[in-house]
PDB file of N, CA and C in Angstrom:
ATOM      1  N   MET A   1       0.857  -1.180   0.000  1.00  0.00           N
ATOM      2  CA  MET A   1       0.000   0.000   0.000  1.00  0.00           C
ATOM      3  C   MET A   1       0.895   1.233   0.000  1.00  0.00           C
ATOM      4  N   ILE A   2       0.637   2.109  -0.937  1.00  0.00           N
ATOM      5  CA  ILE A   2       1.345   3.380  -1.007  1.00  0.00           C
ATOM      6  C   ILE A   2       0.421   4.424  -0.383  1.00  0.00           C
ATOM      7  N   ASP A   3       0.812   4.962   0.742  1.00  0.00           N
ATOM      8  CA  ASP A   3      -0.022   5.917   1.472  1.00  0.00           C
ATOM      9  C   ASP A   3       0.447   7.334   1.157  1.00  0.00           C
ATOM     10  N   VAL A   4      -0.377   8.068   0.405  1.00  0.00           N
ATOM     11  CA  VAL A   4      -0.021   9.436   0.032  1.00  0.00           C
ATOM     12  C   VAL A   4      -0.948  10.451   0.694  1.00  0.00           C
ATOM     13  N   ARG A   5      -1.655  10.025   1.727  1.00  0.00           N
ATOM     14  CA  ARG A   5      -2.559  10.938   2.432  1.00  0.00           C
ATOM     15  C   ARG A   5      -1.768  12.090   3.041  1.00  0.00           C
ATOM     16  N   GLY A   6      -2.321  13.287   2.883  1.00  0.00           N
ATOM     17  CA  GLY A   6      -1.708  14.473   3.463  1.00  0.00           C
ATOM     18  C   GLY A   6      -0.567  15.064   2.655  1.00  0.00           C
ATOM     19  N   LEU A   7      -0.231  14.454   1.538  1.00  0.00           N
ATOM     20  CA  LEU A   7       0.877  14.944   0.715  1.00  0.00           C
ATOM     21  C   LEU A   7       0.352  15.822  -0.415  1.00  0.00           C
ATOM     22  N   SER A   8       1.145  16.812  -0.793  1.00  0.00           N
ATOM     23  CA  SER A   8       0.798  17.711  -1.893  1.00  0.00           C
ATOM     24  C   SER A   8       1.510  17.273  -3.158  1.00  0.00           C
ATOM     25  N   CYS A   9       0.862  17.515  -4.295  1.00  0.00           N
ATOM     26  CA  CYS A   9       1.486  17.204  -5.580  1.00  0.00           C
ATOM     27  C   CYS A   9       2.699  18.100  -5.786  1.00  0.00           C
ATOM     28  N   PRO A  10       3.737  17.554  -6.369  1.00  0.00           N
ATOM     29  CA  PRO A  10       3.777  16.308  -7.127  1.00  0.00           C
ATOM     30  C   PRO A  10       4.212  15.088  -6.309  1.00  0.00           C
ATOM     31  N   GLU A  11       4.356  15.213  -5.004  1.00  0.00           N
ATOM     32  CA  GLU A  11       4.891  14.115  -4.197  1.00  0.00           C
ATOM     33  C   GLU A  11       4.131  12.790  -4.358  1.00  0.00           C
ATOM     34  N   PRO A  12       2.785  12.779  -4.374  1.00  0.00           N
ATOM     35  CA  PRO A  12       2.100  11.496  -4.566  1.00  0.00           C
ATOM     36  C   PRO A  12       2.461  10.816  -5.888  1.00  0.00           C
ATOM     37  N   VAL A  13       2.553  11.584  -6.957  1.00  0.00           N
ATOM     38  CA  VAL A  13       2.910  11.016  -8.260  1.00  0.00           C
ATOM     39  C   VAL A  13       4.337  10.471  -8.221  1.00  0.00           C
ATOM     40  N   ILE A  14       5.239  11.182  -7.592  1.00  0.00           N
ATOM     41  CA  ILE A  14       6.632  10.729  -7.489  1.00  0.00           C
ATOM     42  C   ILE A  14       6.709   9.424  -6.705  1.00  0.00           C
ATOM     43  N   MET A  15       5.937   9.311  -5.621  1.00  0.00           N
ATOM     44  CA  MET A  15       5.943   8.075  -4.836  1.00  0.00           C
ATOM     45  C   MET A  15       5.420   6.895  -5.653  1.00  0.00           C
ATOM     46  N   VAL A  16       4.373   7.120  -6.431  1.00  0.00           N
ATOM     47  CA  VAL A  16       3.835   6.062  -7.292  1.00  0.00           C
ATOM     48  C   VAL A  16       4.852   5.701  -8.367  1.00  0.00           C
ATOM     49  N   GLN A  17       5.489   6.696  -8.949  1.00  0.00           N
ATOM     50  CA  GLN A  17       6.498   6.459  -9.983  1.00  0.00           C
ATOM     51  C   GLN A  17       7.639   5.610  -9.438  1.00  0.00           C
ATOM     52  N   LYS A  18       8.111   5.906  -8.238  1.00  0.00           N
ATOM     53  CA  LYS A  18       9.191   5.127  -7.622  1.00  0.00           C
ATOM     54  C   LYS A  18       8.753   3.694  -7.360  1.00  0.00           C
ATOM     55  N   ALA A  19       7.532   3.510  -6.897  1.00  0.00           N
ATOM     56  CA  ALA A  19       7.025   2.159  -6.645  1.00  0.00           C
ATOM     57  C   ALA A  19       6.917   1.374  -7.952  1.00  0.00           C
ATOM     58  N   MET A  20       6.443   2.027  -9.005  1.00  0.00           N
ATOM     59  CA  MET A  20       6.297   1.358 -10.293  1.00  0.00           C
ATOM     60  C   MET A  20       7.647   0.957 -10.872  1.00  0.00           C
ATOM     61  N   ALA A  21       8.683   1.678 -10.540  1.00  0.00           N
ATOM     62  CA  ALA A  21      10.027   1.354 -11.028  1.00  0.00           C
ATOM     63  C   ALA A  21      10.521   0.018 -10.474  1.00  0.00           C
ATOM     64  N   LEU A  22       9.904  -0.456  -9.395  1.00  0.00           N
ATOM     65  CA  LEU A  22      10.287  -1.744  -8.812  1.00  0.00           C
ATOM     66  C   LEU A  22       9.796  -2.922  -9.645  1.00  0.00           C
ATOM     67  N   GLY A  23       8.843  -2.678 -10.547  1.00  0.00           N
ATOM     68  CA  GLY A  23       8.421  -3.697 -11.493  1.00  0.00           C
ATOM     69  C   GLY A  23       7.291  -4.609 -11.056  1.00  0.00           C
ATOM     70  N   ASP A  24       6.609  -4.305  -9.964  1.00  0.00           N
ATOM     71  CA  ASP A  24       5.468  -5.129  -9.567  1.00  0.00           C
ATOM     72  C   ASP A  24       4.333  -4.951 -10.577  1.00  0.00           C
ATOM     73  N   SER A  25       3.379  -5.869 -10.556  1.00  0.00           N
ATOM     74  CA  SER A  25       2.288  -5.791 -11.527  1.00  0.00           C
ATOM     75  C   SER A  25       1.029  -5.136 -10.972  1.00  0.00           C
ATOM     76  N   GLU A  26       0.969  -4.940  -9.644  1.00  0.00           N
ATOM     77  CA  GLU A  26      -0.203  -4.293  -9.061  1.00  0.00           C
ATOM     78  C   GLU A  26       0.192  -3.461  -7.854  1.00  0.00           C
ATOM     79  N   TYR A  27      -0.462  -2.319  -7.721  1.00  0.00           N
ATOM     80  CA  TYR A  27      -0.189  -1.390  -6.621  1.00  0.00           C
ATOM     81  C   TYR A  27      -1.516  -0.882  -6.086  1.00  0.00           C
ATOM     82  N   THR A  28      -1.544  -0.592  -4.802  1.00  0.00           N
ATOM     83  CA  THR A  28      -2.703   0.034  -4.184  1.00  0.00           C
ATOM     84  C   THR A  28      -2.237   1.329  -3.545  1.00  0.00           C
ATOM     85  N   VAL A  29      -2.973   2.393  -3.811  1.00  0.00           N
ATOM     86  CA  VAL A  29      -2.623   3.713  -3.299  1.00  0.00           C
ATOM     87  C   VAL A  29      -3.791   4.228  -2.464  1.00  0.00           C
ATOM     88  N   GLN A  30      -3.476   4.824  -1.327  1.00  0.00           N
ATOM     89  CA  GLN A  30      -4.495   5.441  -0.479  1.00  0.00           C
ATOM     90  C   GLN A  30      -4.240   6.941  -0.451  1.00  0.00           C
ATOM     91  N   SER A  31      -5.293   7.716  -0.732  1.00  0.00           N
ATOM     92  CA  SER A  31      -5.158   9.168  -0.806  1.00  0.00           C
ATOM     93  C   SER A  31      -6.375   9.844  -0.184  1.00  0.00           C
ATOM     94  N   ASP A  32      -6.183  11.082   0.238  1.00  0.00           N
ATOM     95  CA  ASP A  32      -7.302  11.885   0.728  1.00  0.00           C
ATOM     96  C   ASP A  32      -7.488  13.137  -0.127  1.00  0.00           C
ATOM     97  N   SER A  33      -6.873  13.144  -1.311  1.00  0.00           N
ATOM     98  CA  SER A  33      -6.907  14.311  -2.186  1.00  0.00           C
ATOM     99  C   SER A  33      -7.402  13.929  -3.576  1.00  0.00           C
ATOM    100  N   LYS A  34      -8.500  14.550  -3.994  1.00  0.00           N
ATOM    101  CA  LYS A  34      -9.016  14.301  -5.338  1.00  0.00           C
ATOM    102  C   LYS A  34      -8.006  14.742  -6.395  1.00  0.00           C
ATOM    103  N   THR A  35      -7.310  15.835  -6.147  1.00  0.00           N
ATOM    104  CA  THR A  35      -6.298  16.320  -7.086  1.00  0.00           C
ATOM    105  C   THR A  35      -5.183  15.298  -7.254  1.00  0.00           C
ATOM    106  N   ALA A  36      -4.721  14.710  -6.157  1.00  0.00           N
ATOM    107  CA  ALA A  36      -3.674  13.684  -6.241  1.00  0.00           C
ATOM    108  C   ALA A  36      -4.168  12.489  -7.044  1.00  0.00           C
ATOM    109  N   VAL A  37      -5.410  12.087  -6.827  1.00  0.00           N
ATOM    110  CA  VAL A  37      -5.981  10.961  -7.574  1.00  0.00           C
ATOM    111  C   VAL A  37      -6.007  11.277  -9.065  1.00  0.00           C
ATOM    112  N   GLU A  38      -6.416  12.484  -9.419  1.00  0.00           N
ATOM    113  CA  GLU A  38      -6.456  12.881 -10.830  1.00  0.00           C
ATOM    114  C   GLU A  38      -5.062  12.872 -11.445  1.00  0.00           C
ATOM    115  N   ASN A  39      -4.076  13.402 -10.733  1.00  0.00           N
ATOM    116  CA  ASN A  39      -2.703  13.444 -11.251  1.00  0.00           C
ATOM    117  C   ASN A  39      -2.104  12.048 -11.357  1.00  0.00           C
ATOM    118  N   ILE A  40      -2.336  11.211 -10.359  1.00  0.00           N
ATOM    119  CA  ILE A  40      -1.850   9.828 -10.402  1.00  0.00           C
ATOM    120  C   ILE A  40      -2.502   9.092 -11.569  1.00  0.00           C
ATOM    121  N   THR A  41      -3.794   9.302 -11.760  1.00  0.00           N
ATOM    122  CA  THR A  41      -4.513   8.647 -12.858  1.00  0.00           C
ATOM    123  C   THR A  41      -3.905   9.015 -14.205  1.00  0.00           C
ATOM    124  N   ARG A  42      -3.660  10.298 -14.434  1.00  0.00           N
ATOM    125  CA  ARG A  42      -3.049  10.731 -15.705  1.00  0.00           C
ATOM    126  C   ARG A  42      -1.688  10.077 -15.911  1.00  0.00           C
ATOM    127  N   PHE A  43      -0.864  10.075 -14.865  1.00  0.00           N
ATOM    128  CA  PHE A  43       0.472   9.496 -14.971  1.00  0.00           C
ATOM    129  C   PHE A  43       0.403   7.998 -15.275  1.00  0.00           C
ATOM    130  N   VAL A  44      -0.415   7.282 -14.524  1.00  0.00           N
ATOM    131  CA  VAL A  44      -0.505   5.826 -14.656  1.00  0.00           C
ATOM    132  C   VAL A  44      -1.016   5.430 -16.045  1.00  0.00           C
ATOM    133  N   LEU A  45      -2.044   6.108 -16.528  1.00  0.00           N
ATOM    134  CA  LEU A  45      -2.574   5.801 -17.855  1.00  0.00           C
ATOM    135  C   LEU A  45      -1.537   6.064 -18.939  1.00  0.00           C
ATOM    136  N   ALA A  46      -0.749   7.109 -18.788  1.00  0.00           N
ATOM    137  CA  ALA A  46       0.305   7.421 -19.761  1.00  0.00           C
ATOM    138  C   ALA A  46       1.387   6.346 -19.779  1.00  0.00           C
ATOM    139  N   GLN A  47       1.514   5.603 -18.675  1.00  0.00           N
ATOM    140  CA  GLN A  47       2.509   4.540 -18.588  1.00  0.00           C
ATOM    141  C   GLN A  47       1.961   3.197 -19.086  1.00  0.00           C
ATOM    142  N   GLY A  48       0.701   3.166 -19.501  1.00  0.00           N
ATOM    143  CA  GLY A  48       0.107   1.944 -20.037  1.00  0.00           C
ATOM    144  C   GLY A  48      -0.494   1.020 -18.991  1.00  0.00           C
ATOM    145  N   TYR A  49      -0.742   1.522 -17.807  1.00  0.00           N
ATOM    146  CA  TYR A  49      -1.367   0.728 -16.751  1.00  0.00           C
ATOM    147  C   TYR A  49      -2.864   1.013 -16.738  1.00  0.00           C
ATOM    148  N   THR A  50      -3.623   0.126 -16.100  1.00  0.00           N
ATOM    149  CA  THR A  50      -5.037   0.392 -15.873  1.00  0.00           C
ATOM    150  C   THR A  50      -5.204   0.849 -14.431  1.00  0.00           C
ATOM    151  N   ILE A  51      -6.270   1.570 -14.188  1.00  0.00           N
ATOM    152  CA  ILE A  51      -6.479   2.119 -12.853  1.00  0.00           C
ATOM    153  C   ILE A  51      -7.962   2.068 -12.508  1.00  0.00           C
ATOM    154  N   VAL A  52      -8.238   1.705 -11.267  1.00  0.00           N
ATOM    155  CA  VAL A  52      -9.596   1.728 -10.735  1.00  0.00           C
ATOM    156  C   VAL A  52      -9.522   2.472  -9.415  1.00  0.00           C
ATOM    157  N   SER A  53     -10.367   3.484  -9.265  1.00  0.00           N
ATOM    158  CA  SER A  53     -10.361   4.222  -7.999  1.00  0.00           C
ATOM    159  C   SER A  53     -11.765   4.261  -7.431  1.00  0.00           C
ATOM    160  N   LYS A  54     -11.821   4.238  -6.116  1.00  0.00           N
ATOM    161  CA  LYS A  54     -13.117   4.393  -5.461  1.00  0.00           C
ATOM    162  C   LYS A  54     -12.949   5.313  -4.275  1.00  0.00           C
ATOM    163  N   GLU A  55     -14.004   6.088  -4.028  1.00  0.00           N
ATOM    164  CA  GLU A  55     -13.988   7.067  -2.940  1.00  0.00           C
ATOM    165  C   GLU A  55     -14.970   6.616  -1.873  1.00  0.00           C
ATOM    166  N   GLU A  56     -14.520   6.696  -0.634  1.00  0.00           N
ATOM    167  CA  GLU A  56     -15.382   6.344   0.484  1.00  0.00           C
ATOM    168  C   GLU A  56     -15.044   7.237   1.664  1.00  0.00           C
ATOM    169  N   ASN A  57     -16.009   8.015   2.101  1.00  0.00           N
ATOM    170  CA  ASN A  57     -15.833   8.908   3.254  1.00  0.00           C
ATOM    171  C   ASN A  57     -14.655   9.868   3.089  1.00  0.00           C
ATOM    172  N   GLY A  58     -14.470  10.397   1.880  1.00  0.00           N
ATOM    173  CA  GLY A  58     -13.402  11.362   1.641  1.00  0.00           C
ATOM    174  C   GLY A  58     -12.029  10.757   1.452  1.00  0.00           C
ATOM    175  N   GLU A  59     -11.931   9.435   1.440  1.00  0.00           N
ATOM    176  CA  GLU A  59     -10.656   8.750   1.204  1.00  0.00           C
ATOM    177  C   GLU A  59     -10.776   7.981  -0.109  1.00  0.00           C
ATOM    178  N   TYR A  60      -9.684   7.915  -0.821  1.00  0.00           N
ATOM    179  CA  TYR A  60      -9.658   7.243  -2.116  1.00  0.00           C
ATOM    180  C   TYR A  60      -8.733   6.035  -2.046  1.00  0.00           C
ATOM    181  N   ILE A  61      -9.185   4.935  -2.626  1.00  0.00           N
ATOM    182  CA  ILE A  61      -8.353   3.750  -2.794  1.00  0.00           C
ATOM    183  C   ILE A  61      -8.196   3.560  -4.299  1.00  0.00           C
ATOM    184  N   ILE A  62      -6.954   3.527  -4.741  1.00  0.00           N
ATOM    185  CA  ILE A  62      -6.641   3.404  -6.159  1.00  0.00           C
ATOM    186  C   ILE A  62      -5.927   2.073  -6.363  1.00  0.00           C
ATOM    187  N   THR A  63      -6.418   1.284  -7.305  1.00  0.00           N
ATOM    188  CA  THR A  63      -5.750   0.038  -7.666  1.00  0.00           C
ATOM    189  C   THR A  63      -5.162   0.217  -9.058  1.00  0.00           C
ATOM    190  N   ILE A  64      -3.859   0.029  -9.149  1.00  0.00           N
ATOM    191  CA  ILE A  64      -3.119   0.203 -10.398  1.00  0.00           C
ATOM    192  C   ILE A  64      -2.639  -1.172 -10.839  1.00  0.00           C
ATOM    193  N   THR A  65      -2.920  -1.533 -12.095  1.00  0.00           N
ATOM    194  CA  THR A  65      -2.559  -2.852 -12.596  1.00  0.00           C
ATOM    195  C   THR A  65      -1.818  -2.724 -13.918  1.00  0.00           C
ATOM    196  N   LYS A  66      -0.723  -3.470 -14.029  1.00  0.00           N
ATOM    197  CA  LYS A  66       0.033  -3.504 -15.280  1.00  0.00           C
ATOM    198  C   LYS A  66      -0.736  -4.353 -16.279  1.00  0.00           C
ATOM    199  N   GLN A  67      -0.883  -3.851 -17.502  1.00  0.00           N
ATOM    200  CA  GLN A  67      -1.634  -4.584 -18.530  1.00  0.00           C
ATOM    201  C   GLN A  67      -0.810  -5.686 -19.125  1.00  0.00           C
TER     202      GLN A  67
END
């Protein structure tokens, strides 16, 4: 789980980018910022991954999967 709650952009995207460099096929990100979710989504899609996000009580869970 990559926890980016409370962080301002671009830090959440950088943390996801570093995790993706490790080569795993799936990642889960927890965020409390809609802006961070939007920026992470743009980055992940540009890298050829799929993304599913859901919001619950102001918190977002993002699942990133390598295609």
